[in-house]
Amino acid sequence: MKRRKKLFVIAGVVLALIILAFTARALLRHPTSKPAPTPVFVERPTPAADPNVAKAAAAKAPGDAAAQKELGDALLAKRRFDEAAVAYRASLAINPNQPLAWSALGETLMQTSKAEGVGLPTGAAEAFRKALALDPRDPRARFYFAMEKDFKGQHDEAIGEWLQLLREVPAGSDADEAIRTTLAASIKRNVQLIRQAADEAGRVQPRYKAQK
């Protein structure tokens, strides 16, 4: 009886590993050989704005929050994070009630600031919280707070939030790619943890002795 129970436990662990492995393969549709430490969630404008044109427009309208945000969006699309942060701060100084500008500022700070332990950089977390206060459904803020949960060991909650975001963001967008890449990396880490836990349990478990 004990041997049968032991076999069922081992079979369950193996089945979980197989399911996670196939899920990771399915989610990671476009694997990269060297993923960035911090995924970029930025949404590229369509068509992408020319930063020089956006900069000229912002200079002509220094008191226009929308013009400053458009400059930030154009710079963020080019991965010019420090410059984009300046533009977003200028826009928010004029009109702080812009959830997209707050979450975009958080994005720039994620790319340029050091994380504090397993938490998000302080400035980025504050910007994301302000975005969510204005729009609780803001996908970028939710994406990064889910990442924080994952790093803190709250894997089920993080994966659940990412899966929900996949139902909301456009397929093929930067957001879609960021979520899938991060989700697959989390699943891979969890598979490794399950294997390590199974190996450790195997080293300390009592050996089966056949009853005579």
Protein backbone atom coordinates (compact mmCIF):
# COMPACT_ATOMS: atom_id res chain seq x y z
CA MET A 1 0.00 0.00 0.00
CA LYS A 2 2.80 2.40 0.94
CA ARG A 3 4.64 1.58 -2.26
CA ARG A 4 1.53 2.31 -4.33
CA LYS A 5 1.06 5.67 -2.55
CA LYS A 6 4.72 6.53 -3.20
CA LEU A 7 4.32 5.72 -6.90
CA PHE A 8 1.24 7.95 -7.13
CA VAL A 9 3.15 10.87 -5.58
CA ILE A 10 6.08 10.44 -8.00
CA ALA A 11 3.69 10.16 -10.95
CA GLY A 12 1.96 13.37 -9.86
CA VAL A 13 5.24 15.28 -9.69
CA VAL A 14 6.31 14.01 -13.12
CA LEU A 15 2.94 14.93 -14.62
CA ALA A 16 3.19 18.46 -13.18
CA LEU A 17 6.65 18.88 -14.70
CA ILE A 18 5.44 17.70 -18.10
CA ILE A 19 2.45 20.06 -18.06
CA LEU A 20 4.59 23.05 -17.05
CA ALA A 21 7.19 22.28 -19.70
CA PHE A 22 4.60 22.08 -22.49
CA THR A 23 2.89 25.24 -21.21
CA ALA A 24 6.18 27.15 -21.30
CA ARG A 25 6.87 25.98 -24.87
CA ALA A 26 3.40 27.03 -26.01
CA LEU A 27 3.59 30.45 -24.39
CA LEU A 28 7.03 31.33 -25.66
CA ARG A 29 6.09 31.61 -29.32
CA HIS A 30 9.04 33.84 -30.25
CA PRO A 31 11.99 32.83 -28.03
CA THR A 32 15.01 35.10 -27.80
CA SER A 33 18.55 33.83 -27.35
CA LYS A 34 19.41 36.53 -24.82
CA PRO A 35 16.36 38.12 -23.15
CA ALA A 36 16.74 41.51 -21.48
CA PRO A 37 16.86 41.48 -17.65
CA THR A 38 13.86 43.80 -17.58
CA PRO A 39 11.25 43.32 -20.34
CA VAL A 40 10.05 46.41 -22.15
CA PHE A 41 6.28 46.78 -21.96
CA VAL A 42 6.18 49.94 -24.11
CA GLU A 43 3.47 50.21 -26.73
CA ARG A 44 4.78 51.61 -30.01
CA PRO A 45 2.54 54.33 -31.47
CA THR A 46 1.11 53.52 -34.90
CA PRO A 47 2.65 55.01 -36.89
CA ALA A 48 5.68 55.59 -34.66
CA ALA A 49 6.26 59.30 -34.05
CA ASP A 50 9.54 60.89 -35.01
CA PRO A 51 11.19 62.11 -31.77
CA ASN A 52 12.56 65.19 -33.54
CA VAL A 53 9.11 66.17 -34.79
CA ALA A 54 7.58 65.49 -31.37
CA LYS A 55 10.34 67.51 -29.69
CA ALA A 56 9.68 70.50 -31.96
CA ALA A 57 5.95 70.30 -31.24
CA ALA A 58 6.56 70.10 -27.49
CA ALA A 59 8.89 73.11 -27.64
CA LYS A 60 6.18 75.16 -29.34
CA ALA A 61 3.65 74.19 -26.66
CA PRO A 62 5.52 73.98 -23.34
CA GLY A 63 2.27 74.22 -21.39
CA ASP A 64 0.50 71.47 -23.33
CA ALA A 65 0.48 68.21 -21.34
CA ALA A 66 -0.52 66.17 -24.38
CA ALA A 67 2.39 67.48 -26.46
CA GLN A 68 4.87 66.64 -23.71
CA LYS A 69 3.39 63.14 -23.33
CA GLU A 70 3.59 62.57 -27.10
CA LEU A 71 7.26 63.47 -26.92
CA GLY A 72 7.70 60.96 -24.10
CA ASP A 73 5.90 58.28 -26.12
CA ALA A 74 8.10 58.93 -29.16
CA LEU A 75 11.27 58.71 -27.07
CA LEU A 76 10.08 55.63 -25.19
CA ALA A 77 9.35 53.85 -28.48
CA LYS A 78 13.02 54.44 -29.37
CA ARG A 79 14.13 53.12 -25.96
CA ARG A 80 15.54 56.54 -25.01
CA PHE A 81 14.39 56.03 -21.44
CA ASP A 82 16.11 58.92 -19.63
CA GLU A 83 14.85 61.49 -22.14
CA ALA A 84 11.38 59.98 -22.10
CA ALA A 85 11.26 60.28 -18.30
CA VAL A 86 11.98 64.02 -18.54
CA ALA A 87 9.14 64.48 -21.03
CA TYR A 88 6.67 62.47 -18.94
CA ARG A 89 7.53 64.43 -15.81
CA ALA A 90 6.98 67.67 -17.73
CA SER A 91 3.58 66.41 -18.91
CA LEU A 92 2.54 65.28 -15.43
CA ALA A 93 3.62 68.57 -13.89
CA ILE A 94 1.02 70.22 -16.14
CA ASN A 95 -1.67 67.57 -15.71
CA PRO A 96 -1.13 64.87 -13.06
CA ASN A 97 -4.39 63.07 -13.91
CA GLN A 98 -2.91 60.93 -16.68
CA PRO A 99 -2.72 57.21 -15.85
CA LEU A 100 -0.91 56.34 -19.08
CA ALA A 101 1.74 58.98 -18.46
CA TRP A 102 2.28 57.72 -14.90
CA SER A 103 2.65 54.10 -16.00
CA ALA A 104 4.93 55.16 -18.87
CA LEU A 105 7.09 57.07 -16.39
CA GLY A 106 7.20 53.93 -14.27
CA GLU A 107 8.38 52.02 -17.34
CA THR A 108 11.28 54.40 -17.87
CA LEU A 109 12.27 54.10 -14.22
CA MET A 110 12.12 50.29 -14.42
CA GLN A 111 14.69 50.49 -17.22
CA THR A 112 17.01 53.04 -15.59
CA SER A 113 16.77 52.36 -11.83
CA LYS A 114 18.11 49.54 -9.70
CA ALA A 115 15.65 47.21 -8.04
CA GLU A 116 15.62 47.12 -4.26
CA GLY A 117 15.87 43.48 -3.25
CA VAL A 118 12.93 41.64 -4.78
CA GLY A 119 10.81 44.79 -4.96
CA LEU A 120 10.40 47.28 -7.77
CA PRO A 121 12.52 50.44 -7.76
CA THR A 122 10.84 52.92 -5.41
CA GLY A 123 10.20 55.60 -8.04
CA ALA A 124 8.76 53.09 -10.49
CA ALA A 125 6.46 51.56 -7.86
CA GLU A 126 5.16 55.00 -6.88
CA ALA A 127 4.45 55.89 -10.51
CA PHE A 128 2.61 52.60 -11.07
CA ARG A 129 0.53 53.10 -7.93
CA LYS A 130 -0.51 56.55 -9.15
CA ALA A 131 -1.44 55.05 -12.51
CA LEU A 132 -3.61 52.41 -10.83
CA ALA A 133 -5.24 55.00 -8.59
CA LEU A 134 -6.45 56.75 -11.75
CA ASP A 135 -7.09 53.56 -13.76
CA PRO A 136 -7.20 50.26 -11.82
CA ARG A 137 -7.02 48.33 -15.11
CA ASP A 138 -3.77 49.91 -16.35
CA PRO A 139 -2.01 46.89 -17.92
CA ARG A 140 1.58 48.12 -17.61
CA ALA A 141 1.33 48.79 -13.87
CA ARG A 142 -0.37 45.44 -13.31
CA PHE A 143 2.33 43.66 -15.34
CA TYR A 144 5.16 45.01 -13.22
CA PHE A 145 3.41 44.50 -9.89
CA ALA A 146 2.78 40.88 -10.96
CA MET A 147 6.50 40.59 -11.66
CA GLU A 148 7.19 41.81 -8.14
CA LYS A 149 4.84 39.15 -6.75
CA ASP A 150 6.67 36.48 -8.76
CA PHE A 151 10.05 37.54 -7.36
CA LYS A 152 8.57 37.46 -3.85
CA GLY A 153 7.46 33.86 -4.34
CA GLN A 154 3.77 34.55 -5.00
CA HIS A 155 3.95 32.62 -8.26
CA ASP A 156 0.31 31.58 -8.56
CA GLU A 157 -0.93 35.14 -8.16
CA ALA A 158 1.64 36.49 -10.62
CA ILE A 159 0.91 33.88 -13.28
CA GLY A 160 -2.83 34.39 -12.87
CA GLU A 161 -2.45 38.14 -13.41
CA TRP A 162 -0.25 37.66 -16.49
CA LEU A 163 -2.72 35.22 -18.00
CA GLN A 164 -5.52 37.73 -17.44
CA LEU A 165 -3.43 40.45 -19.10
CA LEU A 166 -2.92 38.21 -22.14
CA ARG A 167 -6.69 38.27 -22.60
CA GLU A 168 -6.63 42.07 -22.68
CA VAL A 169 -3.55 43.27 -24.60
CA PRO A 170 -3.33 43.21 -28.43
CA ALA A 171 -1.72 40.10 -29.92
CA GLY A 172 1.73 40.78 -31.33
CA SER A 173 2.20 44.00 -29.35
CA ASP A 174 5.22 44.79 -27.19
CA ALA A 175 3.00 44.13 -24.18
CA ASP A 176 2.04 40.70 -25.53
CA GLU A 177 5.68 39.76 -26.10
CA ALA A 178 6.75 41.05 -22.68
CA ILE A 179 4.04 39.08 -20.89
CA ARG A 180 4.73 35.84 -22.77
CA THR A 181 8.50 36.07 -22.29
CA THR A 182 8.17 36.84 -18.57
CA LEU A 183 5.53 34.16 -18.04
CA ALA A 184 7.62 31.49 -19.76
CA ALA A 185 10.68 32.49 -17.68
CA SER A 186 8.63 32.19 -14.48
CA ILE A 187 7.32 28.75 -15.47
CA LYS A 188 10.87 27.61 -16.26
CA ARG A 189 12.06 28.76 -12.83
CA ASN A 190 9.15 26.96 -11.15
CA VAL A 191 9.90 23.73 -13.03
CA GLN A 192 13.48 23.91 -11.76
CA LEU A 193 12.27 24.52 -8.20
CA ILE A 194 9.92 21.52 -8.41
CA ARG A 195 12.76 19.33 -9.66
CA GLN A 196 15.05 20.50 -6.88
CA ALA A 197 12.35 19.91 -4.27
CA ALA A 198 11.67 16.43 -5.65
CA ASP A 199 15.40 15.59 -5.62
CA GLU A 200 15.77 16.87 -2.06
CA ALA A 201 12.76 14.88 -0.90
CA GLY A 202 14.19 11.80 -2.59
CA ARG A 203 17.46 12.14 -0.70
CA VAL A 204 15.84 12.14 2.74
CA GLN A 205 12.88 9.81 2.26
CA PRO A 206 13.03 6.37 3.85
CA ARG A 207 13.90 3.45 1.61
CA TYR A 208 11.19 0.98 0.73
CA LYS A 209 11.54 -2.43 2.21
CA ALA A 210 9.52 -5.25 0.77
CA GLN A 211 7.54 -7.10 3.37
CA LYS A 212 8.37 -10.73 3.60
